Amino acid sequence: MRVLAVGDDRKLLSFLVRALREDAYAVDTVLGAERVLEIARGVPYDLILVDIRLRGSSGIRVCAELRKHRVKVPILLLSGDSLVEERVEGLNAGADDCLPKPFAVAELRARVCALIRRSKDRAEINSRIGDLEIDRHRRCINRGGVTIQLTAKEFALVELLMLHSPDTVTRSEIIEHVWDCQYDSDTNLVDVYVYRLRQKINDMGTARMIHAIRGVGYKLACA
């Protein structure tokens, strides 16, 4: 899952990045409001975090601009702690939720998770392929009725493959979305994690579901 954090307080942005990356989110940041629309329209984000306090603009204006240009990504507005009127204005401008500052990391993560979970009708997004099912709430997978526990990176990898199934996901896309860094052709990081994931999924002795596409990447499919 990929999140865009918008603000002009570098300390706040750094805090958001650390908190969300611990939950295996890939996080991009943008200082100020000038390039938000351009960036949001160019990358398929799962959530946008916007600080209400922006020099020369405001988070409310950013919300309104994004909605005006039909950017439908869920928006979480980080608002002042006492101004109810601001939060109401933000919701009316297109924010999906408002989180008053200061806030606890646990609440931030819960709000982000809830917004992403509610977004995009999950019934239309792959959650089961064959006898493999993903449990986004508990962040694990089930195969043939058996629960398989995963590390944060393994879960992010299988979720990415499932969201794109049956299409192929390139190695560079996997690196960018799971590890939030640029692809290095000399690294075998993706292959190592795919190998571990395959071992866990195939422990039941069932058919292989993660398929290598030579020279491109991997896909998740029944056959």
C-alpha atoms as a PDB file:
ATOM      1  CA  MET A   1       0.000   0.000   0.000  1.00  0.00           C
ATOM      2  CA  ARG A   2       1.315   3.472  -0.902  1.00  0.00           C
ATOM      3  CA  VAL A   3       0.639   6.698   1.011  1.00  0.00           C
ATOM      4  CA  LEU A   4       1.356  10.334   0.132  1.00  0.00           C
ATOM      5  CA  ALA A   5       2.013  12.679   3.080  1.00  0.00           C
ATOM      6  CA  VAL A   6       1.619  16.423   2.444  1.00  0.00           C
ATOM      7  CA  GLY A   7       2.894  19.159   4.774  1.00  0.00           C
ATOM      8  CA  ASP A   8       5.542  21.815   5.306  1.00  0.00           C
ATOM      9  CA  ASP A   9       6.686  20.656   8.750  1.00  0.00           C
ATOM     10  CA  ARG A  10       9.669  18.385   8.091  1.00  0.00           C
ATOM     11  CA  LYS A  11       9.537  16.915  11.603  1.00  0.00           C
ATOM     12  CA  LEU A  12       5.878  15.954  11.179  1.00  0.00           C
ATOM     13  CA  LEU A  13       6.548  14.402   7.767  1.00  0.00           C
ATOM     14  CA  SER A  14       9.490  12.439   9.159  1.00  0.00           C
ATOM     15  CA  PHE A  15       7.302  11.195  12.015  1.00  0.00           C
ATOM     16  CA  LEU A  16       4.562  10.091   9.596  1.00  0.00           C
ATOM     17  CA  VAL A  17       7.065   8.264   7.399  1.00  0.00           C
ATOM     18  CA  ARG A  18       8.569   6.344  10.330  1.00  0.00           C
ATOM     19  CA  ALA A  19       5.192   5.443  11.836  1.00  0.00           C
ATOM     20  CA  LEU A  20       3.670   4.157   8.592  1.00  0.00           C
ATOM     21  CA  ARG A  21       6.737   2.365   7.264  1.00  0.00           C
ATOM     22  CA  GLU A  22       6.718   0.264  10.435  1.00  0.00           C
ATOM     23  CA  ASP A  23       3.354  -1.044   9.193  1.00  0.00           C
ATOM     24  CA  ALA A  24       4.881  -1.835   5.775  1.00  0.00           C
ATOM     25  CA  TYR A  25       3.357   1.142   3.944  1.00  0.00           C
ATOM     26  CA  ALA A  26       5.401   2.795   1.229  1.00  0.00           C
ATOM     27  CA  VAL A  27       5.357   6.532   1.989  1.00  0.00           C
ATOM     28  CA  ASP A  28       6.114   9.483  -0.285  1.00  0.00           C
ATOM     29  CA  THR A  29       6.256  13.055   1.003  1.00  0.00           C
ATOM     30  CA  VAL A  30       5.749  16.449  -0.589  1.00  0.00           C
ATOM     31  CA  LEU A  31       6.610  19.792   0.994  1.00  0.00           C
ATOM     32  CA  GLY A  32       3.909  22.410   0.513  1.00  0.00           C
ATOM     33  CA  ALA A  33       0.871  22.338  -1.719  1.00  0.00           C
ATOM     34  CA  GLU A  34       2.226  23.280  -5.147  1.00  0.00           C
ATOM     35  CA  ARG A  35       2.884  19.829  -6.639  1.00  0.00           C
ATOM     36  CA  VAL A  36       0.287  17.761  -4.764  1.00  0.00           C
ATOM     37  CA  LEU A  37      -2.215  17.549  -7.620  1.00  0.00           C
ATOM     38  CA  GLU A  38       0.464  16.647 -10.172  1.00  0.00           C
ATOM     39  CA  ILE A  39       1.918  13.925  -7.950  1.00  0.00           C
ATOM     40  CA  ALA A  40      -1.445  12.528  -6.838  1.00  0.00           C
ATOM     41  CA  ARG A  41      -2.645  12.199 -10.423  1.00  0.00           C
ATOM     42  CA  GLY A  42       0.553  10.491 -11.526  1.00  0.00           C
ATOM     43  CA  VAL A  43       0.821   7.785  -8.852  1.00  0.00           C
ATOM     44  CA  PRO A  44      -1.941   5.336  -7.770  1.00  0.00           C
ATOM     45  CA  TYR A  45      -1.878   6.130  -4.047  1.00  0.00           C
ATOM     46  CA  ASP A  46      -4.052   4.265  -1.566  1.00  0.00           C
ATOM     47  CA  LEU A  47      -4.291   7.236   0.826  1.00  0.00           C
ATOM     48  CA  ILE A  48      -3.277  10.885   1.038  1.00  0.00           C
ATOM     49  CA  LEU A  49      -2.405  12.476   4.396  1.00  0.00           C
ATOM     50  CA  VAL A  50      -2.702  16.285   4.383  1.00  0.00           C
ATOM     51  CA  ASP A  51      -1.673  18.653   7.174  1.00  0.00           C
ATOM     52  CA  ILE A  52      -4.211  21.448   7.497  1.00  0.00           C
ATOM     53  CA  ARG A  53      -1.447  24.019   8.101  1.00  0.00           C
ATOM     54  CA  LEU A  54       0.363  24.812   4.847  1.00  0.00           C
ATOM     55  CA  ARG A  55       2.223  28.046   4.121  1.00  0.00           C
ATOM     56  CA  GLY A  56       0.457  30.040   1.432  1.00  0.00           C
ATOM     57  CA  SER A  57      -2.382  27.538   1.275  1.00  0.00           C
ATOM     58  CA  SER A  58      -4.206  25.065   3.509  1.00  0.00           C
ATOM     59  CA  GLY A  59      -5.008  21.388   3.682  1.00  0.00           C
ATOM     60  CA  ILE A  60      -8.626  22.285   3.075  1.00  0.00           C
ATOM     61  CA  ARG A  61      -7.753  23.913  -0.250  1.00  0.00           C
ATOM     62  CA  VAL A  62      -5.663  20.884  -1.184  1.00  0.00           C
ATOM     63  CA  CYS A  63      -8.629  18.586  -0.482  1.00  0.00           C
ATOM     64  CA  ALA A  64     -10.945  20.752  -2.561  1.00  0.00           C
ATOM     65  CA  GLU A  65      -8.452  20.891  -5.452  1.00  0.00           C
ATOM     66  CA  LEU A  66      -7.952  17.126  -5.474  1.00  0.00           C
ATOM     67  CA  ARG A  67     -11.699  16.467  -5.495  1.00  0.00           C
ATOM     68  CA  LYS A  68     -12.255  19.140  -8.164  1.00  0.00           C
ATOM     69  CA  HIS A  69      -9.919  17.175 -10.444  1.00  0.00           C
ATOM     70  CA  ARG A  70     -11.614  13.865  -9.595  1.00  0.00           C
ATOM     71  CA  VAL A  71      -8.823  12.402  -7.489  1.00  0.00           C
ATOM     72  CA  LYS A  72     -10.816   9.788  -5.562  1.00  0.00           C
ATOM     73  CA  VAL A  73      -8.079   8.561  -3.218  1.00  0.00           C
ATOM     74  CA  PRO A  74      -9.112   8.632   0.476  1.00  0.00           C
ATOM     75  CA  ILE A  75      -7.843  11.766   2.252  1.00  0.00           C
ATOM     76  CA  LEU A  76      -7.009  11.981   5.958  1.00  0.00           C
ATOM     77  CA  LEU A  77      -6.746  15.598   7.110  1.00  0.00           C
ATOM     78  CA  LEU A  78      -4.472  16.324  10.080  1.00  0.00           C
ATOM     79  CA  SER A  79      -6.279  19.171  11.804  1.00  0.00           C
ATOM     80  CA  GLY A  80      -5.898  21.492  14.763  1.00  0.00           C
ATOM     81  CA  ASP A  81      -6.900  20.075  18.116  1.00  0.00           C
ATOM     82  CA  SER A  82      -9.700  22.485  18.982  1.00  0.00           C
ATOM     83  CA  LEU A  83     -11.220  24.039  15.869  1.00  0.00           C
ATOM     84  CA  VAL A  84     -14.331  22.010  15.102  1.00  0.00           C
ATOM     85  CA  GLU A  85     -15.251  24.465  12.346  1.00  0.00           C
ATOM     86  CA  GLU A  86     -12.011  23.687  10.510  1.00  0.00           C
ATOM     87  CA  ARG A  87     -12.652  19.957  10.651  1.00  0.00           C
ATOM     88  CA  VAL A  88     -16.186  20.400   9.350  1.00  0.00           C
ATOM     89  CA  GLU A  89     -14.885  22.612   6.545  1.00  0.00           C
ATOM     90  CA  GLY A  90     -12.258  19.997   5.697  1.00  0.00           C
ATOM     91  CA  LEU A  91     -14.842  17.220   5.506  1.00  0.00           C
ATOM     92  CA  ASN A  92     -17.048  19.411   3.324  1.00  0.00           C
ATOM     93  CA  ALA A  93     -14.037  20.074   1.054  1.00  0.00           C
ATOM     94  CA  GLY A  94     -13.601  16.367   0.405  1.00  0.00           C
ATOM     95  CA  ALA A  95     -11.566  14.893   3.262  1.00  0.00           C
ATOM     96  CA  ASP A  96     -12.757  11.432   4.290  1.00  0.00           C
ATOM     97  CA  ASP A  97     -11.681  11.813   7.901  1.00  0.00           C
ATOM     98  CA  CYS A  98      -9.960  14.292  10.222  1.00  0.00           C
ATOM     99  CA  LEU A  99      -7.377  13.434  12.855  1.00  0.00           C
ATOM    100  CA  PRO A 100      -6.822  16.208  15.456  1.00  0.00           C
ATOM    101  CA  LYS A 101      -3.238  16.957  16.483  1.00  0.00           C
ATOM    102  CA  PRO A 102      -1.523  15.889  18.635  1.00  0.00           C
ATOM    103  CA  PHE A 103      -2.383  12.245  18.055  1.00  0.00           C
ATOM    104  CA  ALA A 104      -1.108   8.850  19.154  1.00  0.00           C
ATOM    105  CA  VAL A 105       0.729   6.671  16.632  1.00  0.00           C
ATOM    106  CA  ALA A 106      -1.753   3.854  17.283  1.00  0.00           C
ATOM    107  CA  GLU A 107      -4.693   6.070  16.327  1.00  0.00           C
ATOM    108  CA  LEU A 108      -2.926   7.312  13.194  1.00  0.00           C
ATOM    109  CA  ARG A 109      -2.317   3.743  12.069  1.00  0.00           C
ATOM    110  CA  ALA A 110      -5.893   2.720  12.890  1.00  0.00           C
ATOM    111  CA  ARG A 111      -7.374   5.651  10.939  1.00  0.00           C
ATOM    112  CA  VAL A 112      -5.135   4.987   7.934  1.00  0.00           C
ATOM    113  CA  CYS A 113      -5.970   1.278   7.956  1.00  0.00           C
ATOM    114  CA  ALA A 114      -9.711   1.929   8.287  1.00  0.00           C
ATOM    115  CA  LEU A 115      -9.792   4.435   5.416  1.00  0.00           C
ATOM    116  CA  ILE A 116      -7.852   2.171   3.079  1.00  0.00           C
ATOM    117  CA  ARG A 117     -10.000  -0.799   4.068  1.00  0.00           C
ATOM    118  CA  ARG A 118     -13.204   1.095   3.355  1.00  0.00           C
ATOM    119  CA  SER A 119     -11.942   2.573   0.113  1.00  0.00           C
ATOM    120  CA  LYS A 120     -12.394   0.991  -3.290  1.00  0.00           C
ATOM    121  CA  ASP A 121     -15.146  -1.563  -2.756  1.00  0.00           C
ATOM    122  CA  ARG A 122     -13.120  -4.466  -1.424  1.00  0.00           C
ATOM    123  CA  ALA A 123     -15.627  -6.864  -2.924  1.00  0.00           C
ATOM    124  CA  GLU A 124     -14.258  -5.826  -6.306  1.00  0.00           C
ATOM    125  CA  ILE A 125     -10.629  -6.342  -5.324  1.00  0.00           C
ATOM    126  CA  ASN A 126      -9.101  -9.781  -5.197  1.00  0.00           C
ATOM    127  CA  SER A 127      -9.144 -11.207  -1.692  1.00  0.00           C
ATOM    128  CA  ARG A 128      -9.265 -14.870  -2.736  1.00  0.00           C
ATOM    129  CA  ILE A 129      -7.574 -16.745  -5.552  1.00  0.00           C
ATOM    130  CA  GLY A 130      -8.276 -20.456  -5.656  1.00  0.00           C
ATOM    131  CA  ASP A 131      -7.847 -21.775  -2.115  1.00  0.00           C
ATOM    132  CA  LEU A 132      -5.617 -18.841  -1.106  1.00  0.00           C
ATOM    133  CA  GLU A 133      -7.300 -16.023   0.824  1.00  0.00           C
ATOM    134  CA  ILE A 134      -5.810 -12.836   2.239  1.00  0.00           C
ATOM    135  CA  ASP A 135      -6.916 -11.508   5.633  1.00  0.00           C
ATOM    136  CA  ARG A 136      -6.121  -7.780   5.594  1.00  0.00           C
ATOM    137  CA  HIS A 137      -7.419  -7.218   9.107  1.00  0.00           C
ATOM    138  CA  ARG A 138      -5.100  -9.783  10.738  1.00  0.00           C
ATOM    139  CA  ARG A 139      -2.417  -9.307   8.049  1.00  0.00           C
ATOM    140  CA  CYS A 140      -2.041 -12.989   7.286  1.00  0.00           C
ATOM    141  CA  ILE A 141      -3.156 -15.444   4.587  1.00  0.00           C
ATOM    142  CA  ASN A 142      -5.157 -18.664   4.638  1.00  0.00           C
ATOM    143  CA  ARG A 143      -4.757 -21.630   2.332  1.00  0.00           C
ATOM    144  CA  GLY A 144      -7.011 -24.644   2.442  1.00  0.00           C
ATOM    145  CA  GLY A 145      -8.360 -23.466   5.800  1.00  0.00           C
ATOM    146  CA  VAL A 146      -4.874 -23.172   7.340  1.00  0.00           C
ATOM    147  CA  THR A 147      -3.681 -19.777   8.600  1.00  0.00           C
ATOM    148  CA  ILE A 148      -0.187 -18.788   7.450  1.00  0.00           C
ATOM    149  CA  GLN A 149       1.586 -16.102   9.461  1.00  0.00           C
ATOM    150  CA  LEU A 150       3.724 -13.643   7.495  1.00  0.00           C
ATOM    151  CA  THR A 151       6.273 -10.945   8.211  1.00  0.00           C
ATOM    152  CA  ALA A 152       5.265  -7.368   7.323  1.00  0.00           C
ATOM    153  CA  LYS A 153       7.249  -7.457   4.074  1.00  0.00           C
ATOM    154  CA  GLU A 154       5.927 -10.884   3.084  1.00  0.00           C
ATOM    155  CA  PHE A 155       2.372  -9.680   3.639  1.00  0.00           C
ATOM    156  CA  ALA A 156       2.977  -6.513   1.607  1.00  0.00           C
ATOM    157  CA  LEU A 157       4.407  -8.652  -1.208  1.00  0.00           C
ATOM    158  CA  VAL A 158       1.554 -11.166  -1.365  1.00  0.00           C
ATOM    159  CA  GLU A 159      -1.014  -8.360  -1.106  1.00  0.00           C
ATOM    160  CA  LEU A 160       0.600  -6.529  -4.029  1.00  0.00           C
ATOM    161  CA  LEU A 161       0.634  -9.692  -6.157  1.00  0.00           C
ATOM    162  CA  MET A 162      -2.981 -10.460  -5.256  1.00  0.00           C
ATOM    163  CA  LEU A 163      -4.200  -6.947  -6.026  1.00  0.00           C
ATOM    164  CA  HIS A 164      -2.693  -7.213  -9.519  1.00  0.00           C
ATOM    165  CA  SER A 165      -3.560 -10.870 -10.190  1.00  0.00           C
ATOM    166  CA  PRO A 166      -3.503 -12.356 -12.766  1.00  0.00           C
ATOM    167  CA  ASP A 167      -1.243  -9.665 -14.222  1.00  0.00           C
ATOM    168  CA  THR A 168       2.511  -9.707 -13.760  1.00  0.00           C
ATOM    169  CA  VAL A 169       4.162  -7.323 -11.289  1.00  0.00           C
ATOM    170  CA  THR A 170       7.660  -6.243 -12.281  1.00  0.00           C
ATOM    171  CA  ARG A 171      10.619  -6.465  -9.927  1.00  0.00           C
ATOM    172  CA  SER A 172      10.967  -2.679  -9.939  1.00  0.00           C
ATOM    173  CA  GLU A 173       7.297  -2.278  -8.957  1.00  0.00           C
ATOM    174  CA  ILE A 174       7.738  -4.789  -6.143  1.00  0.00           C
ATOM    175  CA  ILE A 175      10.831  -3.023  -4.802  1.00  0.00           C
ATOM    176  CA  GLU A 176       9.142   0.390  -5.010  1.00  0.00           C
ATOM    177  CA  HIS A 177       5.916  -0.645  -3.298  1.00  0.00           C
ATOM    178  CA  VAL A 178       7.200  -3.140  -0.728  1.00  0.00           C
ATOM    179  CA  TRP A 179      10.572  -1.607   0.189  1.00  0.00           C
ATOM    180  CA  ASP A 180       9.918   1.984  -0.894  1.00  0.00           C
ATOM    181  CA  CYS A 181      13.220   2.395  -2.712  1.00  0.00           C
ATOM    182  CA  GLN A 182      14.635   2.445  -6.223  1.00  0.00           C
ATOM    183  CA  TYR A 183      15.191  -0.860  -8.010  1.00  0.00           C
ATOM    184  CA  ASP A 184      18.769  -2.150  -8.100  1.00  0.00           C
ATOM    185  CA  SER A 185      19.282  -4.721 -10.829  1.00  0.00           C
ATOM    186  CA  ASP A 186      22.127  -6.293  -8.833  1.00  0.00           C
ATOM    187  CA  THR A 187      19.962  -7.161  -5.826  1.00  0.00           C
ATOM    188  CA  ASN A 188      18.229 -10.517  -5.361  1.00  0.00           C
ATOM    189  CA  LEU A 189      16.022  -9.198  -2.548  1.00  0.00           C
ATOM    190  CA  VAL A 190      12.772  -9.819  -4.437  1.00  0.00           C
ATOM    191  CA  ASP A 191      13.755 -13.372  -5.368  1.00  0.00           C
ATOM    192  CA  VAL A 192      14.716 -14.179  -1.774  1.00  0.00           C
ATOM    193  CA  TYR A 193      11.362 -12.994  -0.425  1.00  0.00           C
ATOM    194  CA  VAL A 194       9.416 -14.743  -3.166  1.00  0.00           C
ATOM    195  CA  TYR A 195      11.271 -17.964  -2.322  1.00  0.00           C
ATOM    196  CA  ARG A 196      10.344 -17.624   1.374  1.00  0.00           C
ATOM    197  CA  LEU A 197       6.741 -16.829   0.507  1.00  0.00           C
ATOM    198  CA  ARG A 198       6.506 -19.792  -1.842  1.00  0.00           C
ATOM    199  CA  GLN A 199       7.792 -22.092   0.893  1.00  0.00           C
ATOM    200  CA  LYS A 200       5.106 -20.913   3.298  1.00  0.00           C
ATOM    201  CA  ILE A 201       2.278 -21.063   0.752  1.00  0.00           C
ATOM    202  CA  ASN A 202       3.283 -24.459  -0.626  1.00  0.00           C
ATOM    203  CA  ASP A 203       3.864 -26.128   2.743  1.00  0.00           C
ATOM    204  CA  MET A 204       0.453 -27.772   2.368  1.00  0.00           C
ATOM    205  CA  GLY A 205       1.698 -29.645  -0.684  1.00  0.00           C
ATOM    206  CA  THR A 206      -0.690 -27.834  -3.002  1.00  0.00           C
ATOM    207  CA  ALA A 207      -0.073 -26.378  -6.448  1.00  0.00           C
ATOM    208  CA  ARG A 208       2.358 -23.505  -6.897  1.00  0.00           C
ATOM    209  CA  MET A 209       0.633 -20.118  -7.105  1.00  0.00           C
ATOM    210  CA  ILE A 210       3.486 -17.609  -7.447  1.00  0.00           C
ATOM    211  CA  HIS A 211       4.896 -17.816 -10.946  1.00  0.00           C
ATOM    212  CA  ALA A 212       8.108 -16.260 -12.239  1.00  0.00           C
ATOM    213  CA  ILE A 213       7.853 -14.424 -15.551  1.00  0.00           C
ATOM    214  CA  ARG A 214      11.377 -14.589 -16.928  1.00  0.00           C
ATOM    215  CA  GLY A 215      13.037 -11.221 -17.244  1.00  0.00           C
ATOM    216  CA  VAL A 216       9.978  -9.358 -15.929  1.00  0.00           C
ATOM    217  CA  GLY A 217       8.779 -10.275 -12.435  1.00  0.00           C
ATOM    218  CA  TYR A 218       6.151 -12.420 -10.733  1.00  0.00           C
ATOM    219  CA  LYS A 219       2.430 -13.059 -10.805  1.00  0.00           C
ATOM    220  CA  LEU A 220      -0.046 -14.796  -8.500  1.00  0.00           C
ATOM    221  CA  ALA A 221      -2.407 -17.200 -10.237  1.00  0.00           C
ATOM    222  CA  CYS A 222      -3.889 -20.686  -9.912  1.00  0.00           C
ATOM    223  CA  ALA A 223      -2.182 -21.991 -13.011  1.00  0.00           C
END
